[in-house]
């Protein structure tokens, strides 16, 4: 999968995750909602853009952020059925966020692995054999 396809997948999941976050009841307070948008949408999107701009340190930050996020999403998914079976909205949000975090890990990890893989110059030709004189 090339970088453009990964970035397009990330952007698509950002749009879906934003839609799910906006569909939450308006009972949540504005500061909490702003924090969610900033942390769950804008920060990963900024990290993906920094990786696209080829900042080497951003790839590691992205992988760490997404690994912690994926672990939290998996813990939430495992915990939800034991609490209240009617929490389908939280389950959908956690699944989308987990998929987004997984793609961030792939995007950042691929960049980390590709950093040293720059195209090498062609090898020089072997010297011509000595002329018989």
C-alpha atoms as a PDB file:
ATOM      1  CA  UNK A   1       0.000   0.000   0.000  1.00  0.00           C
ATOM      2  CA  UNK A   2       1.561   3.279  -1.010  1.00  0.00           C
ATOM      3  CA  UNK A   3       1.635   6.417   1.102  1.00  0.00           C
ATOM      4  CA  UNK A   4      -1.104   8.193  -0.837  1.00  0.00           C
ATOM      5  CA  UNK A   5      -3.532   5.326  -0.225  1.00  0.00           C
ATOM      6  CA  UNK A   6      -2.651   5.265   3.486  1.00  0.00           C
ATOM      7  CA  UNK A   7      -3.103   9.019   3.778  1.00  0.00           C
ATOM      8  CA  UNK A   8      -6.433   8.830   1.943  1.00  0.00           C
ATOM      9  CA  UNK A   9      -7.561   6.071   4.329  1.00  0.00           C
ATOM     10  CA  UNK A  10      -6.511   8.180   7.315  1.00  0.00           C
ATOM     11  CA  UNK A  11      -8.383  11.214   6.017  1.00  0.00           C
ATOM     12  CA  UNK A  12     -11.486   9.128   5.380  1.00  0.00           C
ATOM     13  CA  UNK A  13     -11.391   7.745   8.898  1.00  0.00           C
ATOM     14  CA  UNK A  14     -10.911  11.257  10.301  1.00  0.00           C
ATOM     15  CA  UNK A  15     -14.095  12.329   8.548  1.00  0.00           C
ATOM     16  CA  UNK A  16     -15.992   9.286   9.847  1.00  0.00           C
ATOM     17  CA  UNK A  17     -14.646   9.751  13.370  1.00  0.00           C
ATOM     18  CA  UNK A  18     -15.573  13.436  13.303  1.00  0.00           C
ATOM     19  CA  UNK A  19     -19.084  12.494  12.200  1.00  0.00           C
ATOM     20  CA  UNK A  20     -19.400  10.015  15.048  1.00  0.00           C
ATOM     21  CA  UNK A  21     -18.100  12.569  17.563  1.00  0.00           C
ATOM     22  CA  UNK A  22     -20.521  15.220  16.257  1.00  0.00           C
ATOM     23  CA  UNK A  23     -23.424  12.772  16.539  1.00  0.00           C
ATOM     24  CA  UNK A  24     -22.956  12.558  20.308  1.00  0.00           C
ATOM     25  CA  UNK A  25     -25.754  14.196  22.270  1.00  0.00           C
ATOM     26  CA  UNK A  26     -25.296  17.918  22.762  1.00  0.00           C
ATOM     27  CA  UNK A  27     -25.474  17.322  26.529  1.00  0.00           C
ATOM     28  CA  UNK A  28     -21.697  17.136  26.661  1.00  0.00           C
ATOM     29  CA  UNK A  29     -20.027  20.372  27.636  1.00  0.00           C
ATOM     30  CA  UNK A  30     -18.249  22.503  25.055  1.00  0.00           C
ATOM     31  CA  UNK A  31     -14.747  22.294  26.663  1.00  0.00           C
ATOM     32  CA  UNK A  32     -14.974  18.502  26.745  1.00  0.00           C
ATOM     33  CA  UNK A  33     -16.106  18.402  23.125  1.00  0.00           C
ATOM     34  CA  UNK A  34     -13.328  20.769  22.030  1.00  0.00           C
ATOM     35  CA  UNK A  35     -10.768  18.633  23.844  1.00  0.00           C
ATOM     36  CA  UNK A  36     -12.060  15.501  22.099  1.00  0.00           C
ATOM     37  CA  UNK A  37     -11.882  17.101  18.653  1.00  0.00           C
ATOM     38  CA  UNK A  38      -8.372  18.389  19.318  1.00  0.00           C
ATOM     39  CA  UNK A  39      -6.981  15.182  20.779  1.00  0.00           C
ATOM     40  CA  UNK A  40      -8.755  12.560  18.685  1.00  0.00           C
ATOM     41  CA  UNK A  41      -8.863  14.314  15.316  1.00  0.00           C
ATOM     42  CA  UNK A  42      -6.552  17.317  14.981  1.00  0.00           C
ATOM     43  CA  UNK A  43      -3.489  15.849  16.738  1.00  0.00           C
ATOM     44  CA  UNK A  44      -3.385  12.615  14.676  1.00  0.00           C
ATOM     45  CA  UNK A  45      -4.075  14.575  11.514  1.00  0.00           C
ATOM     46  CA  UNK A  46      -1.235  16.981  12.343  1.00  0.00           C
ATOM     47  CA  UNK A  47       1.105  14.045  12.993  1.00  0.00           C
ATOM     48  CA  UNK A  48       0.166  12.452   9.665  1.00  0.00           C
ATOM     49  CA  UNK A  49       0.848  15.744   7.872  1.00  0.00           C
ATOM     50  CA  UNK A  50       4.225  16.109   9.616  1.00  0.00           C
ATOM     51  CA  UNK A  51       5.131  12.608   8.483  1.00  0.00           C
ATOM     52  CA  UNK A  52       3.997  13.468   4.954  1.00  0.00           C
ATOM     53  CA  UNK A  53       6.318  16.498   5.128  1.00  0.00           C
ATOM     54  CA  UNK A  54       9.116  14.050   6.020  1.00  0.00           C
ATOM     55  CA  UNK A  55       9.903  15.099   9.573  1.00  0.00           C
ATOM     56  CA  UNK A  56      11.714  12.066  10.922  1.00  0.00           C
ATOM     57  CA  UNK A  57      10.833  12.592  14.596  1.00  0.00           C
ATOM     58  CA  UNK A  58       7.107  12.843  13.821  1.00  0.00           C
ATOM     59  CA  UNK A  59       6.989   9.212  12.714  1.00  0.00           C
ATOM     60  CA  UNK A  60       8.086   7.973  16.123  1.00  0.00           C
ATOM     61  CA  UNK A  61       5.702  10.326  17.927  1.00  0.00           C
ATOM     62  CA  UNK A  62       2.915   9.086  15.675  1.00  0.00           C
ATOM     63  CA  UNK A  63       3.666   5.435  16.378  1.00  0.00           C
ATOM     64  CA  UNK A  64       3.806   6.036  20.154  1.00  0.00           C
ATOM     65  CA  UNK A  65       0.572   8.080  20.151  1.00  0.00           C
ATOM     66  CA  UNK A  66      -1.262   5.506  18.046  1.00  0.00           C
ATOM     67  CA  UNK A  67       0.014   2.534  20.073  1.00  0.00           C
ATOM     68  CA  UNK A  68      -1.289   4.021  23.312  1.00  0.00           C
ATOM     69  CA  UNK A  69      -4.556   4.968  21.606  1.00  0.00           C
ATOM     70  CA  UNK A  70      -4.997   1.493  20.131  1.00  0.00           C
ATOM     71  CA  UNK A  71      -4.372  -0.121  23.520  1.00  0.00           C
ATOM     72  CA  UNK A  72      -7.002   2.133  25.093  1.00  0.00           C
ATOM     73  CA  UNK A  73      -9.487   1.381  22.313  1.00  0.00           C
ATOM     74  CA  UNK A  74      -8.982  -2.369  22.637  1.00  0.00           C
ATOM     75  CA  UNK A  75      -9.441  -2.134  26.411  1.00  0.00           C
ATOM     76  CA  UNK A  76     -12.636  -0.141  25.903  1.00  0.00           C
ATOM     77  CA  UNK A  77     -13.965  -2.643  23.364  1.00  0.00           C
ATOM     78  CA  UNK A  78     -13.234  -5.545  25.723  1.00  0.00           C
ATOM     79  CA  UNK A  79     -14.876  -3.762  28.652  1.00  0.00           C
ATOM     80  CA  UNK A  80     -18.074  -2.490  26.978  1.00  0.00           C
ATOM     81  CA  UNK A  81     -20.038  -5.769  26.741  1.00  0.00           C
ATOM     82  CA  UNK A  82     -19.623  -6.382  30.470  1.00  0.00           C
ATOM     83  CA  UNK A  83     -21.034  -2.988  31.491  1.00  0.00           C
ATOM     84  CA  UNK A  84     -24.121  -2.081  29.507  1.00  0.00           C
ATOM     85  CA  UNK A  85     -25.172  -3.846  26.317  1.00  0.00           C
ATOM     86  CA  UNK A  86     -26.892  -0.700  25.025  1.00  0.00           C
ATOM     87  CA  UNK A  87     -23.637   1.239  24.514  1.00  0.00           C
ATOM     88  CA  UNK A  88     -23.430   0.658  20.764  1.00  0.00           C
ATOM     89  CA  UNK A  89     -22.357   4.273  20.170  1.00  0.00           C
ATOM     90  CA  UNK A  90     -19.274   3.867  22.364  1.00  0.00           C
ATOM     91  CA  UNK A  91     -18.462   0.577  20.671  1.00  0.00           C
ATOM     92  CA  UNK A  92     -18.664   2.141  17.195  1.00  0.00           C
ATOM     93  CA  UNK A  93     -16.523   5.076  18.308  1.00  0.00           C
ATOM     94  CA  UNK A  94     -13.891   2.761  19.792  1.00  0.00           C
ATOM     95  CA  UNK A  95     -13.777   0.538  16.698  1.00  0.00           C
ATOM     96  CA  UNK A  96     -13.369   3.522  14.346  1.00  0.00           C
ATOM     97  CA  UNK A  97     -10.761   5.094  16.611  1.00  0.00           C
ATOM     98  CA  UNK A  98      -8.907   1.775  16.892  1.00  0.00           C
ATOM     99  CA  UNK A  99      -8.833   1.385  13.109  1.00  0.00           C
ATOM    100  CA  UNK A 100      -7.600   4.961  12.800  1.00  0.00           C
ATOM    101  CA  UNK A 101      -4.848   4.323  15.362  1.00  0.00           C
ATOM    102  CA  UNK A 102      -3.845   1.112  13.584  1.00  0.00           C
ATOM    103  CA  UNK A 103      -3.483   2.997  10.298  1.00  0.00           C
ATOM    104  CA  UNK A 104      -1.426   5.667  12.066  1.00  0.00           C
ATOM    105  CA  UNK A 105       0.901   2.928  13.323  1.00  0.00           C
ATOM    106  CA  UNK A 106       1.204   1.541   9.796  1.00  0.00           C
ATOM    107  CA  UNK A 107       1.741   5.014   8.299  1.00  0.00           C
ATOM    108  CA  UNK A 108       4.350   6.057  10.884  1.00  0.00           C
ATOM    109  CA  UNK A 109       6.048   2.658  10.992  1.00  0.00           C
ATOM    110  CA  UNK A 110       6.317   2.509   7.243  1.00  0.00           C
ATOM    111  CA  UNK A 111       7.931   5.921   7.226  1.00  0.00           C
ATOM    112  CA  UNK A 112      10.389   4.861   9.958  1.00  0.00           C
ATOM    113  CA  UNK A 113      11.348   1.768   7.982  1.00  0.00           C
ATOM    114  CA  UNK A 114      11.672   3.681   4.701  1.00  0.00           C
ATOM    115  CA  UNK A 115      13.890   6.472   6.042  1.00  0.00           C
ATOM    116  CA  UNK A 116      17.182   4.739   5.309  1.00  0.00           C
ATOM    117  CA  UNK A 117      15.970   3.239   2.053  1.00  0.00           C
ATOM    118  CA  UNK A 118      16.806   6.168  -0.191  1.00  0.00           C
ATOM    119  CA  UNK A 119      17.627   5.282  -3.754  1.00  0.00           C
ATOM    120  CA  UNK A 120      21.288   4.433  -4.088  1.00  0.00           C
ATOM    121  CA  UNK A 121      23.389   5.555  -7.014  1.00  0.00           C
ATOM    122  CA  UNK A 122      24.094   2.912  -9.621  1.00  0.00           C
ATOM    123  CA  UNK A 123      27.144   0.785  -9.013  1.00  0.00           C
ATOM    124  CA  UNK A 124      30.226   1.641 -10.985  1.00  0.00           C
ATOM    125  CA  UNK A 125      31.204  -0.631 -13.809  1.00  0.00           C
ATOM    126  CA  UNK A 126      34.126  -2.925 -13.388  1.00  0.00           C
ATOM    127  CA  UNK A 127      37.335  -1.635 -14.933  1.00  0.00           C
ATOM    128  CA  UNK A 128      38.151  -2.647 -18.463  1.00  0.00           C
ATOM    129  CA  UNK A 129      40.577  -5.509 -18.780  1.00  0.00           C
ATOM    130  CA  UNK A 130      44.109  -4.458 -19.650  1.00  0.00           C
ATOM    131  CA  UNK A 131      44.772  -4.260 -23.351  1.00  0.00           C
ATOM    132  CA  UNK A 132      47.166  -6.873 -24.740  1.00  0.00           C
ATOM    133  CA  UNK A 133      50.153  -4.880 -25.880  1.00  0.00           C
END
